[in-house]
Protein backbone atom coordinates (compact mmCIF):
# COMPACT_ATOMS: atom_id res chain seq x y z
CA CYS A 1 0.00 0.00 0.00
CA ARG A 2 2.86 2.37 0.82
CA LEU A 3 4.33 2.09 -2.68
CA SER A 4 1.03 2.72 -4.43
CA ILE A 5 0.15 5.70 -2.26
CA SER A 6 3.61 7.23 -2.67
CA ILE A 7 3.44 6.81 -6.46
CA GLY A 8 0.05 8.49 -6.46
CA LEU A 9 1.13 11.39 -4.26
CA VAL A 10 4.53 12.07 -5.82
CA SER A 11 3.42 11.83 -9.43
CA THR A 12 0.37 13.97 -8.73
CA GLY A 13 2.59 16.50 -6.93
CA VAL A 14 4.78 16.76 -10.02
CA ALA A 15 1.71 17.08 -12.23
CA LEU A 16 0.24 19.69 -9.89
CA MET A 17 3.33 21.90 -10.03
CA ILE A 18 3.56 21.75 -13.81
CA GLY A 19 -0.17 22.09 -14.42
CA VAL A 20 -0.79 24.97 -12.04
CA THR A 21 2.20 26.90 -13.40
CA PHE A 22 1.15 26.45 -17.02
CA GLY A 23 -2.51 27.17 -16.24
CA ALA A 24 -1.68 30.27 -14.23
CA LEU A 25 0.44 31.71 -17.03
CA MET A 26 -2.17 30.90 -19.68
CA GLY A 27 -5.06 32.33 -17.69
CA TYR A 28 -3.32 35.44 -16.46
CA PHE A 29 -1.78 36.60 -19.72
CA GLY A 30 -4.23 35.33 -22.33
CA GLY A 31 -3.62 36.24 -25.96
CA TRP A 32 -0.61 34.74 -27.73
CA ILE A 33 0.88 33.29 -24.58
CA ASP A 34 -2.37 31.48 -23.86
CA LEU A 35 -2.59 30.23 -27.42
CA GLY A 36 1.01 28.98 -27.53
CA LEU A 37 0.96 27.29 -24.13
CA TYR A 38 -2.43 25.73 -24.83
CA ARG A 39 -0.97 24.08 -27.92
CA ILE A 40 1.66 22.51 -25.66
CA VAL A 41 -1.16 21.29 -23.39
CA GLU A 42 -2.92 19.77 -26.39
CA ILE A 43 0.26 17.98 -27.47
CA PHE A 44 0.62 16.42 -24.01
CA MET A 45 -3.08 15.51 -23.99
CA ALA A 46 -2.57 13.55 -27.22
CA VAL A 47 0.02 11.23 -25.65
CA PRO A 48 -1.50 8.00 -24.25
CA VAL A 49 0.17 7.67 -20.86
CA LEU A 50 -0.26 3.92 -20.42
CA PHE A 51 1.23 3.22 -23.84
CA LEU A 52 4.10 5.63 -23.08
CA LEU A 53 4.79 3.82 -19.79
CA ILE A 54 4.81 0.43 -21.50
CA VAL A 55 7.21 1.69 -24.19
CA ALA A 56 9.42 3.37 -21.58
CA VAL A 57 9.67 0.18 -19.52
CA ALA A 58 10.49 -1.81 -22.65
CA VAL A 59 13.13 0.63 -23.91
CA LEU A 60 14.83 1.79 -20.70
CA PRO A 61 17.83 -0.10 -19.33
CA GLU A 62 17.33 -2.16 -16.17
CA ASP A 63 18.89 0.42 -13.84
CA LEU A 64 16.33 3.05 -14.97
CA LYS A 65 13.27 0.85 -14.51
CA THR A 66 12.64 2.20 -11.04
CA THR A 67 9.66 3.54 -9.19
CA TYR A 68 11.03 7.07 -9.45
CA VAL A 69 11.16 6.97 -13.24
CA ILE A 70 7.58 5.71 -13.35
CA MET A 71 6.53 8.51 -10.98
CA ALA A 72 8.29 11.09 -13.15
CA ILE A 73 6.72 9.84 -16.37
CA ILE A 74 3.23 9.77 -14.87
CA GLY A 75 3.69 13.23 -13.36
CA CYS A 76 5.14 14.78 -16.52
CA PHE A 77 2.31 13.56 -18.74
CA THR A 78 -0.82 13.89 -16.58
CA TRP A 79 -0.75 17.59 -15.73
CA THR A 80 -2.99 18.77 -18.55
CA GLY A 81 -6.29 18.61 -16.68
CA MET A 82 -4.90 20.70 -13.85
CA ALA A 83 -3.57 23.24 -16.33
CA ARG A 84 -6.96 23.53 -17.98
CA TYR A 85 -8.82 23.99 -14.68
CA THR A 86 -6.30 26.55 -13.46
CA ARG A 87 -6.47 28.42 -16.77
CA ALA A 88 -10.26 28.63 -16.57
CA GLU A 89 -10.18 29.92 -13.00
CA PHE A 90 -7.46 32.47 -13.74
CA LEU A 91 -9.33 33.74 -16.81
CA LYS A 92 -12.28 34.32 -14.51
CA LEU A 93 -10.21 35.95 -11.76
CA ARG A 94 -7.85 38.16 -13.76
CA ASN A 95 -10.35 41.02 -14.06
CA GLN A 96 -11.43 40.95 -10.43
CA ASP A 97 -10.85 44.01 -8.29
CA PHE A 98 -8.32 42.40 -5.93
CA VAL A 99 -6.12 41.38 -8.86
CA GLN A 100 -6.29 44.87 -10.36
CA ALA A 101 -5.41 46.32 -6.96
CA ALA A 102 -2.41 43.98 -6.64
CA LYS A 103 -1.21 45.10 -10.09
CA ALA A 104 -1.72 48.75 -9.17
CA VAL A 105 0.32 48.37 -5.99
CA GLY A 106 3.14 46.95 -8.11
CA LEU A 107 3.37 43.45 -6.69
CA PRO A 108 5.57 41.04 -8.64
CA LEU A 109 3.89 38.60 -11.01
CA ARG A 110 4.72 35.58 -8.83
CA SER A 111 2.97 37.18 -5.88
CA ILE A 112 -0.11 38.10 -7.89
CA LEU A 113 -0.41 34.63 -9.39
CA PHE A 114 0.37 32.39 -6.43
CA LYS A 115 -0.51 34.45 -3.35
CA HIS A 116 -3.61 36.26 -4.54
CA MET A 117 -5.18 34.42 -7.47
CA LEU A 118 -4.34 30.77 -6.76
CA PRO A 119 -6.00 30.56 -3.31
CA ASN A 120 -9.20 31.90 -4.87
CA GLY A 121 -9.20 29.46 -7.78
CA VAL A 122 -7.83 26.28 -6.24
CA ALA A 123 -11.09 24.36 -5.63
CA PRO A 124 -11.45 22.70 -9.08
CA VAL A 125 -7.75 21.84 -9.08
CA LEU A 126 -8.04 20.08 -5.72
CA VAL A 127 -10.91 17.96 -6.99
CA ASP A 128 -8.88 17.00 -10.07
CA THR A 129 -5.90 16.25 -7.83
CA SER A 130 -7.83 13.60 -5.91
CA PHE A 131 -8.79 11.90 -9.17
CA ALA A 132 -5.20 12.19 -10.45
CA ILE A 133 -3.90 10.32 -7.39
CA ALA A 134 -6.30 7.46 -8.10
CA SER A 135 -5.35 7.48 -11.77
CA ALA A 136 -1.63 7.32 -11.00
CA ILE A 137 -2.18 4.39 -8.64
CA SER A 138 -4.20 2.63 -11.33
CA LEU A 139 -1.52 3.18 -13.97
CA GLU A 140 1.18 1.71 -11.74
CA ALA A 141 -1.05 -1.23 -10.78
CA ILE A 142 -1.71 -1.97 -14.46
CA LEU A 143 2.02 -1.95 -15.19
CA SER A 144 2.75 -4.24 -12.25
CA TYR A 145 -0.11 -6.56 -13.17
CA LEU A 146 1.38 -6.94 -16.63
CA GLY A 147 4.77 -7.69 -15.07
CA LEU A 148 6.29 -4.41 -16.24
CA GLY A 149 6.42 -2.57 -12.92
CA PRO A 150 9.45 -2.14 -10.69
CA ALA A 151 10.85 -5.56 -9.82
CA ASP A 152 12.27 -4.59 -6.43
CA SER A 153 9.02 -3.87 -4.58
CA ALA A 154 5.51 -5.23 -4.11
CA SER A 155 2.56 -3.35 -5.45
CA TRP A 156 -1.17 -3.96 -5.77
CA GLY A 157 -0.90 -5.01 -9.42
CA LYS A 158 1.87 -7.52 -8.67
CA LEU A 159 -0.11 -8.94 -5.75
CA LEU A 160 -3.20 -9.34 -7.93
CA SER A 161 -1.21 -11.01 -10.68
CA SER A 162 0.36 -13.48 -8.26
CA ALA A 163 -3.03 -14.23 -6.69
CA ILE A 164 -4.57 -14.99 -10.06
CA SER A 165 -1.66 -17.15 -11.21
CA SER A 166 -1.57 -19.19 -7.98
CA ASP A 167 -5.35 -19.63 -7.89
CA GLY A 168 -5.71 -21.97 -10.83
């Protein structure tokens, strides 16, 4: 259980950092920046994560087939939903009075984005985060069930696979 939960939390943490940063920049600036960064989001959305994980496990050398690499791959390719939710919230919030006041005072961009706007638009991202944790756990369990997960530790997929094979 510890391995599955840690994979879910770490990979979702990576996805959360990337997604919130991209979404905040897209929603705050709009225009060409929004258009360009959203194309990057669409490119990452087009990549099937399970297929990418299977190919990565097949191609990587044995010393790189670790839990950390799986966490990194899951985190680096599942951030798009968080970016889209953050973008939508920041597009809604960027014309609010408190954001205009923060700009007028001369606060730096990082402060406006992450200290003023993010706390007001974090609710949809938190809901998506809980689903992303479950998705990351499922992806790792699928890999382990197929025998492609990390060989050095037990996971739910490996336990299920061994239970099915020893049953018959």
